[in-house]
């Protein structure tokens, strides 16, 4: 007889299995990026999001399925990265909503939860588009509803759901011309199918499954505190204390050895960064461990513990996402948080008045929780977040909803130049609604261009692209393809100025230099003498030049 109901323990195992499947296929999902640019990060974002869900589920000791589903939802909401991660978190959120009040779930209950899951994901997107992960989420729900009322065996139902979802994934290129032209299926949809397959495998496996380690970031990846994953912290608790030694004759049997030597031998078995130094009847102990209690219990064999201090380094890491002051700073009417990549960009935005800078951008999307923690530490009546990337806007909006007792507003800047224009237009003396309106108007007057290199051969919008070619991207679309960086930059400037413009800004980053940027400036000055020029050292990764025209 098949499995006719599941509890929280089984659901937890399924979530871990799904997370592992996405983790193992991170690189493949990233490679499905339609644009042949070095910033495909769907797999990375979905992996971080679903692992955050799995970790919260694992922490639940109850067999109650609603409690486990709710914990996974909370983990996904706070751990969501990028648009794909936010949509995935909404799928988890709807699923948890559908299981509210239930201790176990049968196939019909799960079908209803999946229907709620799809509904919630569609609501999260302002302009839902078919052929995306939303379509796969809907196909998943429809398949579950089709079979659940005739089949009690949950494993059989899930096999059917996986089959139908896979079939819908194969049809996504027919729904989105960009996918068909690039010869790929939707990467977010593929992530959902992989998660389902991993969940099914876990359902069929007896015994608990361990969560796999997050794979190392490839390519340029994320740099700085915001991008450093807490998965890299092997031992979570920084544990420090003093042992006031009792006389050796009073120690318990078997512990008459030298305390310093014993602790120095024992502590590496439960952690790292070990210090054990004895002086004047005291032993100073420091260790990073996942089991502080074990360290304390061992030390108590030698005497009384004093000055105990235990810090969660994973929490501390998140508080170091950016260089901010303590929460005791005086309140201010308005605070601005900007997401940028590159030291030069950080310096620029801080110079323009940004209170906090989170390092992030293409291939290094901060999570909703990263942004929430920065919001929480900014003492301002109103807070404006500038995501400066279309793949961070949904995450920023989710963070705004998660932030407690804060008035958070997201101005949906899609590029660094749009963010700069908002900072210039910022008027702290204006009412918040008027200030946001002024920022939005300034943002919409800016046209942005980027130059990067193709990472694979493809044909897109009728343009033959070879790996290594320089891609000239204008307002999100590939406008031109060139073989040489400087010729690409000059061509993009011409393209951006064909309808005129008063101010041109050049931000040089990876692969370009101050000298090459000055050369572009000379070209601009000769050909467009009436145009004002600004050159900045952005230091941004992936994009040799970022250009703007106003």
Protein backbone atom coordinates (compact mmCIF):
# COMPACT_ATOMS: atom_id res chain seq x y z
CA UNK A 1 0.00 0.00 0.00
CA UNK A 2 1.32 3.44 -0.91
CA UNK A 3 1.86 6.43 1.33
CA UNK A 4 -1.53 8.12 1.81
CA UNK A 5 -0.41 10.95 4.09
CA UNK A 6 2.77 12.75 5.08
CA UNK A 7 3.78 14.60 8.22
CA UNK A 8 6.29 17.36 8.89
CA UNK A 9 9.23 14.96 9.11
CA UNK A 10 8.59 13.63 5.61
CA UNK A 11 7.96 17.11 4.21
CA UNK A 12 11.22 18.28 5.77
CA UNK A 13 13.07 15.45 4.01
CA UNK A 14 11.39 16.35 0.71
CA UNK A 15 12.40 19.99 1.02
CA UNK A 16 16.00 18.98 1.74
CA UNK A 17 15.97 16.60 -1.23
CA UNK A 18 14.64 19.34 -3.50
CA UNK A 19 17.21 21.81 -2.21
CA UNK A 20 20.01 19.32 -2.85
CA UNK A 21 18.86 18.77 -6.43
CA UNK A 22 18.89 22.51 -7.13
CA UNK A 23 22.27 22.86 -5.40
CA UNK A 24 23.82 20.10 -7.50
CA UNK A 25 22.56 21.73 -10.70
CA UNK A 26 23.39 25.36 -9.89
CA UNK A 27 25.89 25.72 -12.73
CA UNK A 28 23.50 24.18 -15.28
CA UNK A 29 20.71 26.53 -14.26
CA UNK A 30 23.01 29.55 -14.47
CA UNK A 31 24.06 28.48 -17.97
CA UNK A 32 20.43 28.69 -19.20
CA UNK A 33 20.59 32.49 -19.19
CA UNK A 34 19.03 33.78 -22.43
CA UNK A 35 21.57 36.58 -22.83
CA UNK A 36 25.11 35.24 -23.37
CA UNK A 37 26.46 37.56 -20.68
CA UNK A 38 28.51 36.55 -17.62
CA UNK A 39 25.75 37.23 -15.11
CA UNK A 40 23.47 34.21 -15.32
CA UNK A 41 22.62 33.65 -11.66
CA UNK A 42 19.20 31.98 -11.57
CA UNK A 43 20.66 28.76 -10.20
CA UNK A 44 22.68 30.58 -7.57
CA UNK A 45 19.67 32.63 -6.46
CA UNK A 46 17.28 29.68 -6.36
CA UNK A 47 19.88 27.57 -4.58
CA UNK A 48 20.40 30.11 -1.81
CA UNK A 49 16.65 30.60 -1.44
CA UNK A 50 15.68 26.95 -1.22
CA UNK A 51 18.59 26.16 1.08
CA UNK A 52 17.37 28.90 3.43
CA UNK A 53 13.96 27.21 3.38
CA UNK A 54 15.49 23.80 4.05
CA UNK A 55 17.57 25.05 6.99
CA UNK A 56 14.51 26.49 8.71
CA UNK A 57 12.59 23.26 8.08
CA UNK A 58 15.44 21.17 9.49
CA UNK A 59 15.39 23.22 12.69
CA UNK A 60 11.80 22.12 13.41
CA UNK A 61 11.56 19.12 15.71
CA UNK A 62 7.78 18.80 15.50
CA UNK A 63 6.09 16.34 13.11
CA UNK A 64 3.35 18.92 12.46
CA UNK A 65 3.32 19.54 8.70
CA UNK A 66 1.87 23.05 8.92
CA UNK A 67 4.64 24.14 11.30
CA UNK A 68 7.37 22.74 9.06
CA UNK A 69 5.83 24.32 5.94
CA UNK A 70 5.55 27.69 7.72
CA UNK A 71 9.19 27.53 8.84
CA UNK A 72 10.33 26.72 5.32
CA UNK A 73 8.26 29.63 4.02
CA UNK A 74 9.84 32.03 6.49
CA UNK A 75 13.31 30.82 5.53
CA UNK A 76 12.61 31.26 1.84
CA UNK A 77 11.09 34.72 2.31
CA UNK A 78 14.13 36.01 4.18
CA UNK A 79 16.68 34.11 2.13
CA UNK A 80 15.21 35.03 -1.28
CA UNK A 81 17.72 36.35 -3.82
CA UNK A 82 16.90 37.76 -7.23
CA UNK A 83 13.57 37.62 -9.02
CA UNK A 84 13.66 33.84 -9.27
CA UNK A 85 14.31 33.54 -5.54
CA UNK A 86 11.46 35.90 -4.65
CA UNK A 87 8.99 34.02 -6.87
CA UNK A 88 10.21 30.73 -5.39
CA UNK A 89 9.68 32.12 -1.89
CA UNK A 90 6.11 33.01 -2.80
CA UNK A 91 5.54 29.44 -3.95
CA UNK A 92 6.69 28.29 -0.50
CA UNK A 93 4.51 30.93 1.14
CA UNK A 94 1.37 29.85 -0.69
CA UNK A 95 2.10 26.18 0.00
CA UNK A 96 2.35 26.93 3.73
CA UNK A 97 -0.89 28.92 3.60
CA UNK A 98 -2.61 25.94 2.02
CA UNK A 99 -1.51 23.64 4.84
CA UNK A 100 -2.46 25.90 7.74
CA UNK A 101 -4.19 24.03 10.56
CA UNK A 102 -3.13 20.58 9.38
CA UNK A 103 -0.91 18.15 11.28
CA UNK A 104 -0.61 15.76 8.33
CA UNK A 105 -1.59 16.06 4.67
CA UNK A 106 -3.04 13.67 2.10
CA UNK A 107 -2.90 14.01 -1.67
CA UNK A 108 -5.97 16.27 -1.80
CA UNK A 109 -4.54 18.56 0.89
CA UNK A 110 -1.26 18.81 -1.01
CA UNK A 111 -3.06 19.60 -4.26
CA UNK A 112 -4.92 22.43 -2.55
CA UNK A 113 -1.66 23.73 -1.09
CA UNK A 114 -0.01 23.70 -4.52
CA UNK A 115 -2.95 25.62 -5.97
CA UNK A 116 -2.47 28.26 -3.27
CA UNK A 117 1.23 28.20 -4.02
CA UNK A 118 0.72 29.07 -7.68
CA UNK A 119 -1.87 31.72 -6.85
CA UNK A 120 0.50 33.46 -4.43
CA UNK A 121 3.38 33.46 -6.94
CA UNK A 122 1.27 35.06 -9.67
CA UNK A 123 0.15 37.78 -7.27
CA UNK A 124 3.77 38.63 -6.47
CA UNK A 125 4.55 39.65 -10.07
CA UNK A 126 3.09 42.89 -11.40
CA UNK A 127 3.03 41.71 -15.02
CA UNK A 128 3.03 37.89 -15.05
CA UNK A 129 4.55 36.38 -18.18
CA UNK A 130 3.88 32.89 -19.47
CA UNK A 131 6.78 30.64 -20.36
CA UNK A 132 8.44 31.43 -17.03
CA UNK A 133 8.64 29.68 -13.67
CA UNK A 134 5.12 30.99 -12.98
CA UNK A 135 3.86 28.75 -15.77
CA UNK A 136 5.63 25.73 -14.27
CA UNK A 137 4.18 26.53 -10.85
CA UNK A 138 0.70 26.63 -12.38
CA UNK A 139 1.29 23.38 -14.30
CA UNK A 140 2.43 21.77 -11.06
CA UNK A 141 -0.78 22.83 -9.30
CA UNK A 142 -3.04 21.78 -12.18
CA UNK A 143 -1.41 18.36 -12.42
CA UNK A 144 -1.78 17.81 -8.69
CA UNK A 145 -5.47 18.75 -8.87
CA UNK A 146 -5.97 16.44 -11.85
CA UNK A 147 -4.70 13.33 -10.10
CA UNK A 148 -5.10 13.88 -6.37
CA UNK A 149 -8.83 13.21 -6.18
CA UNK A 150 -8.45 9.83 -7.93
CA UNK A 151 -5.11 8.67 -6.48
CA UNK A 152 -4.34 8.34 -2.77
CA UNK A 153 -0.68 7.35 -3.12
CA UNK A 154 1.28 10.58 -2.66
CA UNK A 155 4.37 9.22 -4.43
CA UNK A 156 2.26 8.36 -7.49
CA UNK A 157 0.73 11.83 -7.42
CA UNK A 158 4.14 13.49 -7.24
CA UNK A 159 5.45 11.38 -10.14
CA UNK A 160 2.53 12.62 -12.21
CA UNK A 161 3.17 16.22 -11.16
CA UNK A 162 6.85 15.93 -12.10
CA UNK A 163 5.97 14.44 -15.50
CA UNK A 164 3.43 17.16 -16.34
CA UNK A 165 5.69 19.95 -15.09
CA UNK A 166 8.57 18.60 -17.18
CA UNK A 167 6.33 18.53 -20.25
CA UNK A 168 5.28 22.13 -19.65
CA UNK A 169 8.93 23.13 -19.22
CA UNK A 170 9.71 21.69 -22.64
CA UNK A 171 7.01 23.96 -24.11
CA UNK A 172 8.36 27.20 -22.62
CA UNK A 173 10.42 28.04 -25.76
CA UNK A 174 7.15 28.13 -27.70
CA UNK A 175 5.76 30.66 -25.24
CA UNK A 176 8.72 33.04 -25.14
CA UNK A 177 10.48 33.88 -28.42
CA UNK A 178 13.68 34.78 -26.55
CA UNK A 179 13.90 31.25 -25.17
CA UNK A 180 13.29 29.72 -28.58
CA UNK A 181 15.90 31.91 -30.23
CA UNK A 182 18.48 31.08 -27.59
CA UNK A 183 17.62 27.38 -27.76
CA UNK A 184 16.96 27.01 -24.01
CA UNK A 185 14.08 26.34 -21.65
CA UNK A 186 13.22 28.76 -18.84
CA UNK A 187 15.87 28.52 -16.14
CA UNK A 188 13.52 29.32 -13.24
CA UNK A 189 11.06 26.73 -14.48
CA UNK A 190 13.87 24.20 -14.73
CA UNK A 191 14.76 25.00 -11.12
CA UNK A 192 11.22 24.14 -9.99
CA UNK A 193 11.24 20.87 -11.93
CA UNK A 194 14.61 19.94 -10.41
CA UNK A 195 13.28 20.72 -6.94
CA UNK A 196 10.26 18.47 -7.57
CA UNK A 197 12.49 15.64 -8.76
CA UNK A 198 14.67 15.95 -5.69
CA UNK A 199 11.58 15.99 -3.45
CA UNK A 200 10.25 12.85 -5.14
CA UNK A 201 13.59 11.07 -4.70
CA UNK A 202 13.58 12.00 -1.02
CA UNK A 203 10.00 10.74 -0.64
CA UNK A 204 11.07 7.39 -2.05
CA UNK A 205 14.12 7.21 0.22
CA UNK A 206 13.92 5.80 3.73
CA UNK A 207 15.80 7.76 6.36
CA UNK A 208 16.72 11.40 6.72
CA UNK A 209 18.69 13.23 4.04
CA UNK A 210 21.47 15.68 4.85
CA UNK A 211 21.58 19.11 3.27
CA UNK A 212 24.47 19.46 0.83
CA UNK A 213 27.03 22.25 1.14
CA UNK A 214 26.50 25.25 -1.11
CA UNK A 215 28.86 25.05 -4.12
CA UNK A 216 31.56 27.70 -4.38
CA UNK A 217 30.64 30.74 -6.47
CA UNK A 218 32.07 30.62 -9.97
CA UNK A 219 33.29 33.45 -12.16
CA UNK A 220 33.65 36.84 -10.57
CA UNK A 221 30.97 36.00 -8.05
CA UNK A 222 30.07 38.17 -5.16
CA UNK A 223 32.57 40.01 -3.06
CA UNK A 224 32.31 41.74 0.27
CA UNK A 225 30.23 40.95 3.33
CA UNK A 226 26.88 41.06 1.56
CA UNK A 227 27.89 38.37 -0.88
CA UNK A 228 29.83 36.14 1.50
CA UNK A 229 27.47 33.29 2.32
CA UNK A 230 26.99 32.24 5.91
CA UNK A 231 27.16 28.70 4.51
CA UNK A 232 30.92 29.27 4.55
CA UNK A 233 30.88 29.58 8.35
CA UNK A 234 31.45 25.96 9.39
CA UNK A 235 31.21 26.59 13.13
CA UNK A 236 28.56 29.10 14.14
CA UNK A 237 29.28 30.01 17.76
CA UNK A 238 32.26 32.00 18.94
CA UNK A 239 32.61 30.73 22.51
CA UNK A 240 34.83 32.41 25.11
CA UNK A 241 35.16 31.94 28.86
CA UNK A 242 37.57 31.70 31.77
CA UNK A 243 38.02 28.62 33.93
CA UNK A 244 38.86 29.41 37.54
CA UNK A 245 40.77 26.25 38.38
CA UNK A 246 40.00 24.34 41.53
CA UNK A 247 42.85 22.59 43.30
CA UNK A 248 43.91 19.41 41.55
CA UNK A 249 43.07 17.30 44.60
CA UNK A 250 39.43 18.43 44.33
CA UNK A 251 38.97 17.59 40.67
CA UNK A 252 36.74 14.72 39.62
CA UNK A 253 38.31 11.30 39.02
CA UNK A 254 39.91 11.01 35.62
CA UNK A 255 40.47 14.73 35.27
CA UNK A 256 43.65 15.20 37.24
CA UNK A 257 45.55 16.13 34.06
CA UNK A 258 46.72 19.60 33.18
CA UNK A 259 43.60 21.62 32.21
CA UNK A 260 45.36 23.60 29.51
CA UNK A 261 46.64 20.46 27.76
CA UNK A 262 43.34 18.61 28.05
CA UNK A 263 41.28 21.48 26.66
CA UNK A 264 43.79 22.16 23.90
CA UNK A 265 43.48 18.51 22.82
CA UNK A 266 39.70 18.27 23.20
CA UNK A 267 38.43 21.53 21.70
CA UNK A 268 39.69 20.87 18.11
CA UNK A 269 37.41 17.80 18.05
CA UNK A 270 34.33 20.06 18.33
CA UNK A 271 35.47 23.18 16.49
CA UNK A 272 38.32 25.39 15.35
CA UNK A 273 40.13 28.66 16.17
CA UNK A 274 41.10 27.12 19.50
CA UNK A 275 42.91 29.00 22.25
CA UNK A 276 43.54 27.54 25.72
CA UNK A 277 46.07 29.39 27.87
CA UNK A 278 46.60 28.92 31.60
CA UNK A 279 47.92 31.73 33.81
CA UNK A 280 47.70 32.35 37.54
CA UNK A 281 45.00 29.74 38.17
CA UNK A 282 42.86 30.78 35.22
CA UNK A 283 42.49 29.16 31.78
CA UNK A 284 41.43 31.50 28.97
CA UNK A 285 39.41 29.53 26.42
CA UNK A 286 38.29 30.51 22.92
CA UNK A 287 36.74 28.17 20.34
CA UNK A 288 34.43 28.34 17.30
CA UNK A 289 31.98 25.45 17.59
CA UNK A 290 28.45 24.34 16.83
CA UNK A 291 28.15 22.92 20.36
CA UNK A 292 29.12 25.52 22.98
CA UNK A 293 27.62 23.33 25.69
CA UNK A 294 30.18 20.61 25.04
CA UNK A 295 33.03 23.06 25.52
CA UNK A 296 31.50 24.39 28.75
CA UNK A 297 30.80 20.92 30.13
CA UNK A 298 34.35 19.76 29.46
CA UNK A 299 35.84 22.84 31.10
CA UNK A 300 33.62 22.51 34.18
CA UNK A 301 35.57 19.38 35.09
CA UNK A 302 38.43 21.68 36.07
CA UNK A 303 36.69 24.42 37.99
CA UNK A 304 34.18 27.25 37.92
CA UNK A 305 33.38 29.08 34.67
CA UNK A 306 33.32 32.86 34.60
CA UNK A 307 32.96 35.61 31.96
CA UNK A 308 31.11 33.33 29.54
CA UNK A 309 30.49 34.94 26.13
CA UNK A 310 28.83 33.14 23.19
CA UNK A 311 28.17 34.94 19.89
CA UNK A 312 26.42 33.63 16.79
CA UNK A 313 28.87 34.48 13.99
CA UNK A 314 26.29 33.89 11.26
CA UNK A 315 24.13 36.64 12.73
CA UNK A 316 27.16 38.88 13.16
CA UNK A 317 28.09 38.33 9.53
CA UNK A 318 24.74 39.63 8.32
CA UNK A 319 25.22 42.75 10.44
CA UNK A 320 28.48 43.38 8.58
CA UNK A 321 26.84 43.49 5.17
CA UNK A 322 27.92 47.10 4.89
CA UNK A 323 29.94 49.63 6.83
CA UNK A 324 27.25 51.14 9.01
CA UNK A 325 27.13 52.78 12.41
CA UNK A 326 25.42 51.32 15.44
CA UNK A 327 21.67 51.44 15.90
CA UNK A 328 22.14 54.13 18.55
CA UNK A 329 22.77 56.78 15.88
CA UNK A 330 20.42 59.77 16.10
CA UNK A 331 17.19 59.57 14.09
CA UNK A 332 16.90 61.40 10.78
CA UNK A 333 13.93 62.16 8.51
CA UNK A 334 15.25 60.18 5.52
CA UNK A 335 17.73 57.38 5.00
CA UNK A 336 18.84 55.96 1.65
CA UNK A 337 20.15 52.45 0.98
CA UNK A 338 21.76 51.67 -2.38
CA UNK A 339 22.83 48.32 -3.83
CA UNK A 340 26.00 48.68 -5.90
CA UNK A 341 28.97 46.66 -7.14
CA UNK A 342 32.49 48.04 -7.12
CA UNK A 343 34.47 50.15 -4.67
CA UNK A 344 34.28 53.17 -6.93
CA UNK A 345 30.51 52.90 -7.08
CA UNK A 346 30.35 52.59 -3.30
CA UNK A 347 32.44 55.75 -2.90
CA UNK A 348 30.29 57.58 -5.46
CA UNK A 349 26.96 56.74 -3.81
CA UNK A 350 28.21 57.53 -0.32
CA UNK A 351 29.53 60.83 -1.64
CA UNK A 352 26.10 61.58 -3.07
CA UNK A 353 24.49 61.01 0.31
CA UNK A 354 23.61 57.30 0.54
CA UNK A 355 23.50 56.27 4.21
CA UNK A 356 24.16 52.60 3.58
CA UNK A 357 25.62 50.66 0.67
CA UNK A 358 25.02 46.95 0.16
CA UNK A 359 27.44 45.33 -2.23
CA UNK A 360 25.52 43.51 -4.94
CA UNK A 361 24.46 43.54 -8.56
CA UNK A 362 24.76 41.17 -11.47
CA UNK A 363 25.74 37.66 -10.27
CA UNK A 364 25.84 38.88 -6.64
CA UNK A 365 22.27 39.50 -5.59
CA UNK A 366 21.76 40.21 -1.87
CA UNK A 367 19.02 38.28 -0.11
CA UNK A 368 15.90 39.88 1.32
CA UNK A 369 17.33 39.22 4.77
CA UNK A 370 20.58 41.03 3.87
CA UNK A 371 18.55 44.11 2.97
CA UNK A 372 16.25 43.81 6.00
CA UNK A 373 19.21 43.79 8.38
CA UNK A 374 20.54 47.00 6.88
CA UNK A 375 17.07 48.57 7.03
CA UNK A 376 16.76 47.57 10.68
CA UNK A 377 20.00 49.35 11.58
CA UNK A 378 19.13 52.59 9.84
CA UNK A 379 17.40 54.98 12.24
CA UNK A 380 15.25 57.06 9.89
CA UNK A 381 11.60 58.04 9.70
CA UNK A 382 11.49 57.05 6.03
CA UNK A 383 13.89 54.79 4.16
CA UNK A 384 14.37 54.64 0.39
CA UNK A 385 16.00 51.59 -1.19
CA UNK A 386 17.61 51.87 -4.64
CA UNK A 387 18.13 48.33 -6.03
CA UNK A 388 19.93 49.60 -9.17
CA UNK A 389 19.27 46.29 -10.92
CA UNK A 390 16.04 44.82 -12.25
CA UNK A 391 16.88 41.46 -10.69
CA UNK A 392 17.03 42.99 -7.19
CA UNK A 393 13.82 45.04 -7.31
CA UNK A 394 11.53 42.22 -6.21
CA UNK A 395 13.94 41.25 -3.44
CA UNK A 396 14.07 44.85 -2.21
CA UNK A 397 10.26 45.03 -2.24
CA UNK A 398 10.05 41.79 -0.27
CA UNK A 399 12.57 43.17 2.24
CA UNK A 400 10.44 46.30 2.60
CA UNK A 401 7.46 44.13 3.55
CA UNK A 402 9.51 42.06 5.99
CA UNK A 403 11.02 45.06 7.79
CA UNK A 404 9.20 45.66 11.07
CA UNK A 405 8.00 49.12 12.12
CA UNK A 406 9.82 50.82 9.25
CA UNK A 407 8.49 53.07 6.49
CA UNK A 408 10.40 51.62 3.54
CA UNK A 409 9.98 52.77 -0.06
CA UNK A 410 11.60 51.11 -3.08
CA UNK A 411 12.37 53.26 -6.10
CA UNK A 412 12.78 50.59 -8.83
CA UNK A 413 16.06 51.72 -10.38
CA UNK A 414 17.25 49.22 -12.99
CA UNK A 415 20.82 50.47 -13.39
CA UNK A 416 23.60 52.32 -11.63
CA UNK A 417 23.04 55.48 -13.74
CA UNK A 418 19.38 55.54 -12.73
CA UNK A 419 20.44 55.23 -9.11
CA UNK A 420 22.88 58.11 -9.51
CA UNK A 421 20.14 60.28 -11.00
CA UNK A 422 17.92 59.51 -8.00
CA UNK A 423 20.66 60.48 -5.59
CA UNK A 424 21.17 63.78 -7.42
CA UNK A 425 17.41 64.44 -7.44
CA UNK A 426 17.03 63.60 -3.75
CA UNK A 427 15.42 66.43 -1.78
CA UNK A 428 15.34 65.62 1.94
CA UNK A 429 13.29 68.76 2.67
CA UNK A 430 10.39 67.56 0.49
CA UNK A 431 7.53 65.34 1.60
CA UNK A 432 8.43 61.69 1.05
CA UNK A 433 5.84 61.21 -1.71
CA UNK A 434 7.08 64.31 -3.55
CA UNK A 435 10.69 63.23 -3.12
CA UNK A 436 9.98 59.77 -4.53
CA UNK A 437 8.06 61.32 -7.43
CA UNK A 438 11.04 63.56 -8.19
CA UNK A 439 13.44 60.61 -8.03
CA UNK A 440 11.20 58.55 -10.31
CA UNK A 441 11.00 61.35 -12.86
CA UNK A 442 14.80 61.73 -12.83
CA UNK A 443 15.26 57.97 -13.14
CA UNK A 444 13.00 57.74 -16.17
CA UNK A 445 14.98 60.45 -17.99
CA UNK A 446 18.16 58.34 -17.93
CA UNK A 447 19.18 55.87 -20.65
CA UNK A 448 21.76 53.28 -19.64
CA UNK A 449 24.31 51.28 -21.58
CA UNK A 450 26.70 48.50 -20.59
CA UNK A 451 29.52 46.72 -22.34
CA UNK A 452 30.48 43.17 -21.46
CA UNK A 453 31.84 40.08 -23.19
CA UNK A 454 29.76 37.15 -24.44
CA UNK A 455 30.32 33.89 -22.60
CA UNK A 456 29.00 31.60 -25.35
CA UNK A 457 28.09 31.43 -29.04
CA UNK A 458 24.47 32.17 -29.89
CA UNK A 459 22.12 34.04 -32.21
CA UNK A 460 19.92 36.67 -30.57
CA UNK A 461 17.61 39.17 -32.27
CA UNK A 462 19.20 38.24 -35.58
CA UNK A 463 22.72 39.00 -34.31
CA UNK A 464 25.37 36.30 -34.51
CA UNK A 465 27.33 36.35 -31.28
CA UNK A 466 30.57 34.49 -30.60
CA UNK A 467 32.17 33.84 -27.25
CA UNK A 468 34.45 36.77 -26.42
CA UNK A 469 32.55 39.32 -28.52
CA UNK A 470 31.80 42.65 -26.87
CA UNK A 471 28.09 43.17 -26.35
CA UNK A 472 26.69 46.70 -26.33
CA UNK A 473 23.56 46.63 -24.16
CA UNK A 474 21.20 49.61 -24.32
CA UNK A 475 18.31 49.87 -21.85
CA UNK A 476 18.40 46.11 -21.32
CA UNK A 477 18.63 44.98 -24.97
CA UNK A 478 21.67 43.94 -26.98
CA UNK A 479 21.99 46.76 -29.49
CA UNK A 480 25.38 46.05 -31.08
CA UNK A 481 28.08 43.39 -31.19
CA UNK A 482 31.75 44.30 -31.69
CA UNK A 483 35.13 42.56 -31.63
CA UNK A 484 37.05 45.30 -29.81
CA UNK A 485 36.27 47.01 -26.52
CA UNK A 486 37.00 50.60 -27.51
CA UNK A 487 35.22 50.33 -30.86
CA UNK A 488 32.26 48.82 -28.99
CA UNK A 489 32.24 51.75 -26.56
CA UNK A 490 32.39 54.34 -29.33
CA UNK A 491 29.62 52.60 -31.24
CA UNK A 492 27.43 52.44 -28.14
CA UNK A 493 27.98 56.14 -27.46
CA UNK A 494 26.89 56.93 -31.03
CA UNK A 495 23.85 54.69 -30.63
CA UNK A 496 22.84 56.30 -27.35
CA UNK A 497 23.28 59.84 -28.67
CA UNK A 498 21.45 59.38 -31.97
CA UNK A 499 18.40 61.09 -30.47
CA UNK A 500 20.46 63.68 -28.62
CA UNK A 501 21.54 64.11 -25.03
CA UNK A 502 23.02 66.79 -22.77
CA UNK A 503 25.09 64.78 -20.29
CA UNK A 504 27.10 61.59 -20.84
CA UNK A 505 28.60 59.69 -17.91
CA UNK A 506 31.24 56.98 -18.31
CA UNK A 507 31.90 54.52 -15.48
CA UNK A 508 34.92 52.34 -16.19
CA UNK A 509 35.31 48.98 -14.51
CA UNK A 510 36.80 45.55 -15.06
CA UNK A 511 38.72 45.33 -18.34
CA UNK A 512 38.87 49.10 -18.85
CA UNK A 513 41.16 51.76 -17.40
CA UNK A 514 41.23 55.45 -16.62
CA UNK A 515 43.29 55.96 -19.80
CA UNK A 516 40.85 54.07 -22.02
CA UNK A 517 37.96 56.02 -20.48
CA UNK A 518 39.78 59.31 -21.18
CA UNK A 519 40.23 58.15 -24.77
CA UNK A 520 36.45 57.69 -25.03
CA UNK A 521 36.02 61.12 -23.50
CA UNK A 522 38.24 62.63 -26.17
CA UNK A 523 36.18 60.90 -28.88
CA UNK A 524 32.98 62.25 -27.32
CA UNK A 525 34.38 65.78 -27.02
CA UNK A 526 35.44 65.85 -30.66
CA UNK A 527 32.26 64.37 -32.12
CA UNK A 528 29.71 65.85 -29.69
CA UNK A 529 31.27 69.11 -28.47
CA UNK A 530 28.04 70.41 -26.93
CA UNK A 531 27.66 67.39 -24.66
CA UNK A 532 28.82 67.56 -21.04
CA UNK A 533 31.04 64.64 -19.98
CA UNK A 534 31.59 62.99 -16.59
CA UNK A 535 34.04 60.10 -16.02
CA UNK A 536 34.05 57.92 -12.91
CA UNK A 537 36.17 54.99 -11.73
CA UNK A 538 33.34 52.60 -10.91
CA UNK A 539 35.45 49.50 -10.38
CA UNK A 540 32.41 47.39 -11.28
CA UNK A 541 32.90 43.69 -12.15
CA UNK A 542 31.67 42.06 -15.39
CA UNK A 543 31.00 45.33 -17.22
CA UNK A 544 33.98 47.16 -18.68
CA UNK A 545 31.92 50.29 -19.19
CA UNK A 546 28.62 51.53 -17.88
CA UNK A 547 27.35 54.55 -19.81
CA UNK A 548 24.46 56.91 -19.29
CA UNK A 549 22.83 59.63 -21.37
CA UNK A 550 20.50 62.29 -20.00
